[in-house]
Amino acid sequence: IDPHGTCDPDYLHRCGVILDRLLVVRPATVSDALAVLLHLVTSRALAVLVCDWTPQADSGSFTVSEEAALAGTLAQLNYQLTSGSTAVIS
């Protein structure tokens, strides 16, 4: 999940990532990113899910509402991750 559009396919390829097996999701908002994250984890279709939650340099940090949404989704994910087979790297 790449909400800031910073994923560099050339770099990933040089690191050995098989791009044909890579799904990059670039949601428009943090809320969309959280919804996608929860959906992908609960679908149990992926072995590894990487999320770039680093705020953009020009924004400084997450807003209070973004932090609250992130905390709520992470609480939901805790249950899903303990009973599933997807690893989330953030």
Protein backbone atom coordinates (compact mmCIF):
# COMPACT_ATOMS: atom_id res chain seq x y z
CA ILE A 1 0.00 0.00 0.00
CA ASP A 2 1.67 3.17 -1.24
CA PRO A 3 -0.50 6.18 -0.34
CA HIS A 4 2.20 8.70 -1.29
CA GLY A 5 3.19 7.18 -4.65
CA THR A 6 6.82 6.64 -3.66
CA CYS A 7 7.15 3.04 -4.83
CA ASP A 8 9.99 2.78 -7.38
CA PRO A 9 9.50 -0.29 -9.62
CA ASP A 10 13.03 0.00 -11.05
CA TYR A 11 14.56 -0.11 -7.57
CA LEU A 12 12.32 -3.02 -6.55
CA HIS A 13 13.32 -4.94 -9.67
CA ARG A 14 17.02 -4.37 -8.92
CA CYS A 15 16.35 -5.74 -5.40
CA GLY A 16 14.97 -8.94 -6.88
CA VAL A 17 11.24 -8.28 -6.58
CA ILE A 18 9.27 -10.07 -9.30
CA LEU A 19 7.16 -7.19 -10.56
CA ASP A 20 4.63 -9.49 -12.28
CA ARG A 21 3.71 -10.76 -8.81
CA LEU A 22 3.56 -7.32 -7.18
CA LEU A 23 0.35 -5.46 -6.44
CA VAL A 24 0.82 -1.76 -5.70
CA VAL A 25 -2.19 0.08 -4.34
CA ARG A 26 -2.13 3.88 -4.27
CA PRO A 27 -5.23 4.98 -2.38
CA ALA A 28 -6.33 8.62 -2.51
CA THR A 29 -6.79 9.03 1.24
CA VAL A 30 -5.59 7.47 4.47
CA SER A 31 -9.13 6.18 5.03
CA ASP A 32 -9.03 4.44 1.65
CA ALA A 33 -5.61 2.99 2.51
CA LEU A 34 -6.94 1.60 5.77
CA ALA A 35 -9.97 0.08 4.04
CA VAL A 36 -7.73 -1.58 1.43
CA LEU A 37 -5.37 -2.84 4.14
CA LEU A 38 -8.18 -4.42 6.12
CA HIS A 39 -9.74 -5.93 2.99
CA LEU A 40 -6.47 -7.46 1.78
CA VAL A 41 -5.69 -8.95 5.18
CA THR A 42 -9.17 -10.39 5.68
CA SER A 43 -9.18 -11.85 2.14
CA ARG A 44 -6.20 -14.01 3.14
CA ALA A 45 -5.04 -13.86 -0.49
CA LEU A 46 -1.58 -12.45 0.22
CA ALA A 47 1.35 -13.86 2.15
CA VAL A 48 3.07 -10.50 2.74
CA LEU A 49 1.64 -7.00 2.71
CA VAL A 50 3.91 -3.94 2.92
CA CYS A 51 2.50 -0.57 3.95
CA ASP A 52 4.32 2.75 3.65
CA TRP A 53 2.64 4.84 6.36
CA THR A 54 5.37 7.47 6.46
CA PRO A 55 3.72 10.90 6.26
CA GLN A 56 4.79 13.05 3.33
CA ALA A 57 7.54 15.53 4.15
CA ASP A 58 5.33 18.50 3.28
CA SER A 59 2.48 17.39 5.54
CA GLY A 60 4.60 16.87 8.66
CA SER A 61 2.45 14.19 10.28
CA PHE A 62 -0.91 12.48 10.25
CA THR A 63 -3.97 14.49 11.23
CA VAL A 64 -5.77 13.60 14.45
CA SER A 65 -8.60 11.93 12.51
CA GLU A 66 -6.07 9.93 10.43
CA GLU A 67 -4.33 8.76 13.59
CA ALA A 68 -7.67 7.74 15.13
CA ALA A 69 -8.66 5.84 11.98
CA LEU A 70 -5.26 4.13 11.86
CA ALA A 71 -5.53 3.10 15.52
CA GLY A 72 -9.03 1.69 15.00
CA THR A 73 -8.04 -0.30 11.93
CA LEU A 74 -4.91 -1.61 13.60
CA ALA A 75 -7.05 -2.91 16.44
CA GLN A 76 -9.24 -4.76 13.93
CA LEU A 77 -6.16 -6.04 12.13
CA ASN A 78 -4.70 -7.46 15.33
CA TYR A 79 -7.41 -10.10 15.44
CA GLN A 80 -7.19 -10.84 11.71
CA LEU A 81 -3.42 -11.20 11.77
CA THR A 82 -3.37 -13.56 14.74
CA SER A 83 -5.84 -15.89 13.04
CA GLY A 84 -4.63 -15.54 9.44
CA SER A 85 -1.59 -16.20 7.32
CA THR A 86 -0.75 -12.69 6.05
CA ALA A 87 2.30 -10.85 7.38
CA VAL A 88 2.06 -7.04 7.42
CA ILE A 89 5.26 -5.00 7.26
CA SER A 90 4.89 -1.33 8.01
